[in-house]
N, C-alpha and C. Protein backbone atom coordinates (compact mmCIF):
# COMPACT_ATOMS: atom_id res chain seq x y z
N MET A 1 -19.44 26.23 14.84
CA MET A 1 -18.24 25.82 14.18
C MET A 1 -18.17 25.33 12.66
N PRO A 2 -17.22 25.73 12.23
CA PRO A 2 -16.88 25.00 10.46
C PRO A 2 -17.25 23.28 10.36
N LYS A 3 -17.73 22.85 9.31
CA LYS A 3 -17.22 21.42 8.79
C LYS A 3 -16.29 21.26 8.25
N SER A 4 -15.90 19.99 8.71
CA SER A 4 -15.30 19.75 7.94
C SER A 4 -14.78 19.36 6.54
N LEU A 5 -14.45 18.42 5.80
CA LEU A 5 -14.30 18.49 4.17
C LEU A 5 -15.45 16.65 4.44
N LEU A 6 -14.77 16.18 5.11
CA LEU A 6 -15.59 14.73 5.19
C LEU A 6 -17.22 14.63 5.28
N GLU A 7 -17.79 16.18 6.78
CA GLU A 7 -18.83 16.30 7.10
C GLU A 7 -19.64 16.92 5.66
N HIS A 8 -18.93 17.99 4.72
CA HIS A 8 -19.56 18.44 3.63
C HIS A 8 -19.89 17.07 2.31
N ALA A 9 -18.91 16.25 2.26
CA ALA A 9 -18.94 15.27 1.37
C ALA A 9 -19.81 14.58 1.96
N TYR A 10 -20.45 13.88 3.44
CA TYR A 10 -21.58 13.23 3.51
C TYR A 10 -22.48 13.76 3.12
N ASP A 11 -22.85 15.11 3.52
CA ASP A 11 -23.99 15.76 3.26
C ASP A 11 -24.03 15.90 1.38
N TYR A 12 -23.37 16.10 1.13
CA TYR A 12 -23.58 15.79 -0.24
C TYR A 12 -24.36 14.62 -1.19
N VAL A 13 -23.38 13.34 -0.41
CA VAL A 13 -23.35 12.09 -0.25
C VAL A 13 -24.67 11.45 -0.05
N SER A 14 -25.03 12.06 0.68
CA SER A 14 -26.84 12.00 1.20
C SER A 14 -27.85 12.19 1.22
N LYS A 15 -27.63 13.55 0.19
CA LYS A 15 -28.73 14.28 -0.32
C LYS A 15 -29.52 13.51 -1.66
N SER A 16 -27.86 12.81 -2.61
CA SER A 16 -27.72 12.36 -3.84
C SER A 16 -28.52 10.76 -3.38
N LYS A 17 -29.42 10.88 -4.30
CA LYS A 17 -30.13 9.24 -4.54
C LYS A 17 -29.17 8.19 -4.95
N GLU A 18 -28.40 8.48 -5.45
CA GLU A 18 -27.40 7.58 -6.72
C GLU A 18 -26.08 7.40 -5.87
N PRO A 19 -25.40 7.33 -6.05
CA PRO A 19 -24.35 7.21 -5.96
C PRO A 19 -23.54 8.21 -6.70
N VAL A 20 -22.13 9.22 -6.46
CA VAL A 20 -22.18 9.89 -7.16
C VAL A 20 -20.28 10.10 -7.72
N ALA A 21 -20.09 10.78 -8.99
CA ALA A 21 -18.60 11.05 -8.88
C ALA A 21 -17.92 11.54 -8.06
N PHE A 22 -16.50 10.98 -8.22
CA PHE A 22 -15.68 12.01 -6.88
C PHE A 22 -15.78 14.13 -7.30
N LYS A 23 -15.54 14.00 -8.68
CA LYS A 23 -15.25 14.90 -9.19
C LYS A 23 -15.96 16.04 -8.97
N ASP A 24 -17.49 15.48 -8.33
CA ASP A 24 -19.03 16.31 -8.76
C ASP A 24 -18.98 16.43 -6.88
N MET A 25 -18.76 15.93 -6.48
CA MET A 25 -18.09 15.53 -4.97
C MET A 25 -17.80 16.78 -3.81
N TRP A 26 -15.99 17.37 -4.87
CA TRP A 26 -15.50 17.28 -4.53
C TRP A 26 -15.51 19.33 -5.12
N LYS A 27 -16.21 18.59 -6.05
CA LYS A 27 -16.54 20.23 -6.08
C LYS A 27 -17.80 21.10 -5.17
N TYR A 28 -18.41 20.72 -5.14
CA TYR A 28 -19.08 20.69 -4.04
C TYR A 28 -19.03 21.50 -2.69
N ILE A 29 -18.06 20.74 -2.15
CA ILE A 29 -17.17 20.54 -0.70
C ILE A 29 -15.86 21.64 -1.64
N ILE A 30 -15.39 21.94 -2.47
CA ILE A 30 -15.00 23.74 -2.57
C ILE A 30 -15.59 24.51 -2.31
N GLU A 31 -16.96 24.23 -2.79
CA GLU A 31 -17.47 25.32 -2.97
C GLU A 31 -18.62 25.82 -1.26
N GLN A 32 -18.62 24.56 -0.93
CA GLN A 32 -19.07 24.90 1.03
C GLN A 32 -18.57 25.14 2.07
N ALA A 33 -16.89 24.79 1.36
CA ALA A 33 -16.17 25.36 2.58
C ALA A 33 -15.35 26.42 1.92
N GLY A 34 -15.81 27.13 0.94
CA GLY A 34 -15.20 28.07 0.56
C GLY A 34 -13.69 28.22 0.51
N LEU A 35 -13.35 27.22 -0.52
CA LEU A 35 -11.86 26.96 -0.67
C LEU A 35 -11.25 27.33 -2.09
N SER A 36 -10.12 27.91 -2.09
CA SER A 36 -9.49 28.85 -2.94
C SER A 36 -9.09 27.97 -4.31
N GLU A 37 -8.41 28.02 -4.88
CA GLU A 37 -7.88 26.78 -5.81
C GLU A 37 -6.48 26.52 -5.62
N GLU A 38 -5.95 27.39 -5.15
CA GLU A 38 -4.86 26.57 -3.93
C GLU A 38 -5.05 26.33 -2.76
N GLU A 39 -5.35 26.18 -2.19
CA GLU A 39 -6.18 25.65 -1.03
C GLU A 39 -7.22 24.15 -1.50
N ALA A 40 -7.74 24.09 -2.53
CA ALA A 40 -8.53 22.69 -2.54
C ALA A 40 -7.20 22.00 -3.04
N ASN A 41 -6.33 22.23 -4.32
CA ASN A 41 -5.67 21.79 -4.74
C ASN A 41 -4.39 21.11 -3.33
N LYS A 42 -4.15 22.11 -2.80
CA LYS A 42 -3.24 21.54 -1.34
C LYS A 42 -4.16 20.25 -0.74
N ARG A 43 -5.32 20.43 -0.34
CA ARG A 43 -5.65 19.35 0.53
C ARG A 43 -6.44 18.69 -0.03
N ILE A 44 -6.34 18.17 -1.44
CA ILE A 44 -7.27 16.96 -2.44
C ILE A 44 -7.07 15.69 -1.77
N SER A 45 -5.70 15.51 -1.88
CA SER A 45 -4.92 14.15 -1.73
C SER A 45 -5.21 13.54 -0.10
N SER A 46 -4.99 15.20 0.53
CA SER A 46 -5.66 14.07 1.77
C SER A 46 -7.06 14.01 2.50
N PHE A 47 -7.59 14.36 1.78
CA PHE A 47 -9.28 14.66 1.19
C PHE A 47 -9.75 12.98 1.05
N TYR A 48 -9.15 12.80 0.17
CA TYR A 48 -9.31 11.46 -0.76
C TYR A 48 -8.19 10.11 0.05
N THR A 49 -7.73 10.74 0.72
CA THR A 49 -7.31 9.60 1.44
C THR A 49 -8.47 9.20 2.86
N ASN A 50 -8.11 10.26 3.62
CA ASN A 50 -10.02 10.48 4.14
C ASN A 50 -11.24 9.81 3.99
N LEU A 51 -11.60 10.13 2.87
CA LEU A 51 -11.97 9.59 2.65
C LEU A 51 -12.64 8.51 2.44
N MET A 52 -10.78 7.32 1.44
CA MET A 52 -10.97 5.80 1.72
C MET A 52 -10.88 5.58 3.82
N LEU A 53 -10.58 6.30 3.83
CA LEU A 53 -10.28 5.10 5.20
C LEU A 53 -11.61 5.58 6.34
N ASP A 54 -12.65 6.60 5.80
CA ASP A 54 -13.76 6.46 6.99
C ASP A 54 -14.38 5.50 6.03
N GLY A 55 -15.69 5.17 8.11
CA GLY A 55 -16.28 3.65 7.21
C GLY A 55 -17.42 4.39 7.01
N ARG A 56 -17.68 5.03 6.64
CA ARG A 56 -19.45 5.89 6.20
C ARG A 56 -19.39 5.95 4.36
N PHE A 57 -18.48 5.69 4.37
CA PHE A 57 -18.29 5.92 2.42
C PHE A 57 -17.41 4.14 2.08
N VAL A 58 -17.67 4.50 0.82
CA VAL A 58 -17.66 3.49 0.40
C VAL A 58 -17.61 3.56 -1.26
N THR A 59 -16.43 3.06 -2.37
CA THR A 59 -15.65 3.83 -2.98
C THR A 59 -16.64 2.27 -4.69
N LEU A 60 -17.22 2.61 -5.09
CA LEU A 60 -18.40 1.57 -5.30
C LEU A 60 -17.37 1.44 -7.57
N GLY A 61 -16.22 1.61 -7.58
CA GLY A 61 -15.14 1.59 -8.88
C GLY A 61 -15.79 2.74 -9.99
N GLU A 62 -14.67 2.82 -10.24
CA GLU A 62 -15.08 3.87 -11.49
C GLU A 62 -15.02 4.90 -10.32
N ASN A 63 -14.16 5.67 -9.62
CA ASN A 63 -14.25 6.75 -8.99
C ASN A 63 -16.11 7.39 -8.96
N GLN A 64 -17.08 6.20 -8.43
CA GLN A 64 -18.08 6.50 -7.90
C GLN A 64 -18.32 6.19 -6.40
N TRP A 65 -19.24 7.06 -5.32
CA TRP A 65 -19.08 6.96 -3.83
C TRP A 65 -20.84 6.86 -3.79
N ASP A 66 -20.64 5.78 -2.85
CA ASP A 66 -21.91 6.40 -1.90
C ASP A 66 -21.35 5.77 -0.41
N LEU A 67 -22.86 6.31 0.50
CA LEU A 67 -22.99 5.54 1.55
C LEU A 67 -22.73 4.11 1.64
N ARG A 68 -21.97 3.42 2.45
CA ARG A 68 -21.63 2.27 2.78
C ARG A 68 -23.09 2.07 3.22
N VAL A 69 -24.04 2.47 4.42
CA VAL A 69 -25.53 2.02 4.84
C VAL A 69 -26.06 1.83 3.43
N ARG A 70 -26.31 2.35 2.02
CA ARG A 70 -27.04 1.66 1.27
C ARG A 70 -26.63 1.36 0.14
N GLN A 71 -25.65 0.43 0.63
CA GLN A 71 -25.32 -0.61 -0.45
C GLN A 71 -24.91 -2.15 0.07
N THR A 72 -25.21 -3.18 -0.42
CA THR A 72 -24.78 -4.58 0.16
C THR A 72 -24.06 -5.13 0.52
N PHE A 73 -23.61 -6.08 1.18
CA PHE A 73 -22.50 -6.51 1.45
C PHE A 73 -21.88 -7.30 0.09
N ASP A 74 -22.40 -7.53 -0.64
CA ASP A 74 -22.16 -7.96 -2.01
C ASP A 74 -21.18 -7.19 -3.08
N LYS A 75 -21.79 -6.02 -2.77
CA LYS A 75 -21.40 -5.25 -3.82
C LYS A 75 -20.68 -3.82 -3.00
N VAL A 76 -19.94 -4.05 -2.57
CA VAL A 76 -19.00 -3.58 -1.76
C VAL A 76 -17.79 -4.56 -1.21
N HIS A 77 -18.07 -5.85 -0.99
CA HIS A 77 -17.23 -6.58 -0.43
C HIS A 77 -16.45 -7.06 -1.58
N ILE A 78 -14.38 -6.92 -1.72
CA ILE A 78 -14.09 -7.35 -2.36
C ILE A 78 -13.04 -8.63 -2.22
N ASP A 79 -13.29 -9.88 -2.24
CA ASP A 79 -13.17 -11.49 -2.11
C ASP A 79 -11.39 -11.39 -2.03
N MET A 80 -10.47 -10.92 -1.66
CA MET A 80 -8.96 -11.47 -1.46
C MET A 80 -8.45 -12.52 -2.28
N LYS A 81 -9.31 -12.93 -2.95
CA LYS A 81 -8.76 -14.42 -3.54
C LYS A 81 -8.76 -13.70 -5.07
N ASP A 82 -9.40 -12.76 -5.27
CA ASP A 82 -10.22 -12.29 -6.80
C ASP A 82 -8.74 -11.46 -6.97
N VAL A 83 -8.61 -10.78 -5.56
CA VAL A 83 -7.11 -10.09 -5.68
C VAL A 83 -5.84 -10.24 -5.90
N TYR A 84 -5.67 -11.57 -4.95
CA TYR A 84 -4.36 -12.22 -5.73
C TYR A 84 -4.31 -13.16 -6.68
N SER A 85 -5.36 -13.22 -7.50
CA SER A 85 -5.85 -14.55 -8.25
C SER A 85 -4.68 -13.84 -9.43
N ASP A 86 -4.48 -13.23 -9.71
CA ASP A 86 -3.60 -12.59 -11.12
C ASP A 86 -1.87 -12.69 -10.68
N VAL A 87 -1.03 -13.37 -8.85
CA VAL A 87 -0.39 -13.22 -8.27
C VAL A 87 0.31 -14.58 -9.71
N GLU A 88 1.54 -14.12 -9.81
CA GLU A 88 1.77 -15.50 -10.79
C GLU A 88 3.20 -15.88 -9.17
N VAL A 89 2.56 -17.24 -9.61
CA VAL A 89 3.47 -18.22 -8.04
C VAL A 89 4.41 -18.84 -9.69
N VAL A 90 5.98 -18.42 -8.97
CA VAL A 90 6.83 -17.98 -9.57
C VAL A 90 7.68 -19.88 -9.17
N ASP A 91 7.62 -21.04 -8.80
CA ASP A 91 8.88 -21.89 -8.40
C ASP A 91 10.18 -21.80 -8.44
N ASP A 92 10.42 -21.18 -7.67
CA ASP A 92 12.54 -21.23 -6.87
C ASP A 92 13.05 -21.84 -7.17
N ASP A 93 12.51 -22.85 -6.82
CA ASP A 93 13.32 -23.91 -6.00
C ASP A 93 14.75 -23.93 -6.95
N GLU A 94 15.14 -23.85 -7.73
CA GLU A 94 16.23 -23.47 -8.60
C GLU A 94 17.08 -22.11 -8.53
N GLU A 95 16.24 -21.44 -8.47
CA GLU A 95 16.80 -20.13 -7.99
C GLU A 95 17.28 -19.89 -7.02
N GLU A 96 16.65 -20.76 -5.76
CA GLU A 96 17.32 -20.58 -4.32
C GLU A 96 18.45 -21.78 -3.87
N GLU A 97 18.58 -22.64 -4.92
CA GLU A 97 19.33 -23.73 -4.60
C GLU A 97 20.79 -22.73 -5.45
N ASP A 98 21.06 -21.94 -6.70
CA ASP A 98 22.06 -21.23 -7.00
C ASP A 98 22.16 -20.21 -6.26
N GLU A 99 21.57 -19.66 -5.48
CA GLU A 99 21.70 -18.39 -4.37
C GLU A 99 22.73 -19.19 -3.03
N GLU A 100 21.82 -20.35 -2.32
CA GLU A 100 22.87 -20.94 -1.75
C GLU A 100 23.83 -21.49 -1.77
N LYS A 101 24.09 -21.85 -3.17
CA LYS A 101 25.40 -22.34 -3.47
C LYS A 101 26.51 -21.07 -3.49
N GLU A 102 25.88 -20.07 -4.04
CA GLU A 102 26.53 -19.35 -4.14
C GLU A 102 27.20 -18.62 -3.15
N TYR A 103 26.22 -18.70 -1.81
CA TYR A 103 26.29 -18.41 -0.48
C TYR A 103 27.51 -19.17 0.31
N ASN A 104 27.05 -20.48 -0.05
CA ASN A 104 28.22 -20.95 1.01
C ASN A 104 29.59 -21.47 -0.14
N GLU A 105 29.73 -21.03 -1.11
CA GLU A 105 31.23 -20.99 -1.42
C GLU A 105 31.85 -19.66 -1.68
N ALA A 106 31.24 -18.51 -1.10
CA ALA A 106 31.64 -18.08 -0.46
C ALA A 106 32.01 -18.07 1.26
N PHE A 107 30.80 -18.53 1.23
CA PHE A 107 31.91 -18.72 3.00
C PHE A 107 32.84 -19.85 2.96
N GLU A 108 32.93 -21.00 2.39
CA GLU A 108 34.10 -21.56 2.05
C GLU A 108 35.33 -21.27 1.84
N ASP A 109 35.36 -20.22 1.03
CA ASP A 109 36.32 -19.57 0.65
C ASP A 109 37.37 -18.88 1.54
N SER A 110 36.17 -18.18 2.38
CA SER A 110 36.58 -17.20 3.57
C SER A 110 36.76 -18.66 4.90
N SER A 111 36.49 -19.65 4.60
CA SER A 111 37.14 -20.39 5.93
C SER A 111 38.07 -21.17 5.69
N ASP A 112 38.99 -21.49 4.06
CA ASP A 112 39.63 -21.69 4.25
C ASP A 112 40.85 -20.56 3.95
N LYS A 113 40.81 -19.67 3.83
CA LYS A 113 41.46 -18.25 4.42
C LYS A 113 41.42 -18.05 5.41
N ASP A 114 40.64 -18.43 6.18
CA ASP A 114 41.45 -18.57 7.59
C ASP A 114 42.12 -19.80 8.08
N ASP A 115 41.99 -21.74 7.41
CA ASP A 115 42.37 -21.97 7.92
C ASP A 115 43.77 -21.52 7.52
N GLU A 116 43.95 -21.10 6.56
CA GLU A 116 45.57 -20.79 6.02
C GLU A 116 46.00 -20.14 6.92
N GLU A 117 45.56 -18.87 6.88
CA GLU A 117 46.17 -18.22 8.12
C GLU A 117 45.84 -18.80 9.32
N LEU A 118 45.15 -19.49 9.61
CA LEU A 118 45.36 -20.09 11.46
C LEU A 118 46.64 -21.27 10.82
N GLU A 119 47.04 -21.86 10.18
CA GLU A 119 48.57 -22.80 9.58
C GLU A 119 49.73 -21.69 9.69
N GLU A 120 49.31 -20.61 8.91
CA GLU A 120 51.03 -19.48 8.74
C GLU A 120 50.86 -19.48 9.82
N GLY A 121 50.36 -18.91 11.34
CA GLY A 121 50.22 -18.73 12.40
C GLY A 121 50.79 -19.68 13.50
N ASN A 122 50.48 -20.66 13.79
CA ASN A 122 51.02 -21.91 13.84
C ASN A 122 52.43 -22.45 13.53
N GLU A 123 52.93 -22.18 12.68
CA GLU A 123 54.12 -22.29 11.66
C GLU A 123 54.79 -21.26 12.48
N GLU A 124 54.54 -20.10 12.78
CA GLU A 124 55.57 -19.01 12.93
C GLU A 124 55.76 -19.53 14.29
N GLU A 125 55.33 -19.65 15.57
CA GLU A 125 54.81 -19.79 17.07
C GLU A 125 55.90 -21.02 17.21
N GLU A 126 56.02 -22.01 16.37
CA GLU A 126 56.48 -23.42 16.21
C GLU A 126 58.18 -22.76 15.89
N SER A 127 58.44 -21.66 15.19
CA SER A 127 59.72 -21.09 14.66
C SER A 127 60.33 -20.81 15.18
N LEU A 128 59.55 -20.12 16.76
CA LEU A 128 60.05 -19.36 17.91
C LEU A 128 60.43 -19.98 19.10
């Protein structure tokens, strides 16, 4: 039974003593799996996604990959505070108040029209 692309990747990374570049890993996989250039181009994106999701592998940044078991937690852990620290917090209370005012004005205009229509309808009924 032929090996999956991830199994070829695992073989390649496990043979290396150091983290490997994705392009070198992919070149090895293409050779081992016997993929044509066209087939390799079709499959690279799904392979990369699968590589990211496979718990055996870890990216070390700058497209360097290694086996998770060879890396310490502090090297591969991403603190979510660092990820979200660049998010700008905007105090948009004023914007929310403006939106609420616009909404309420539109609603009031609509209810004023409804009231006028009701009054006209009542006047017509009284005249009958």
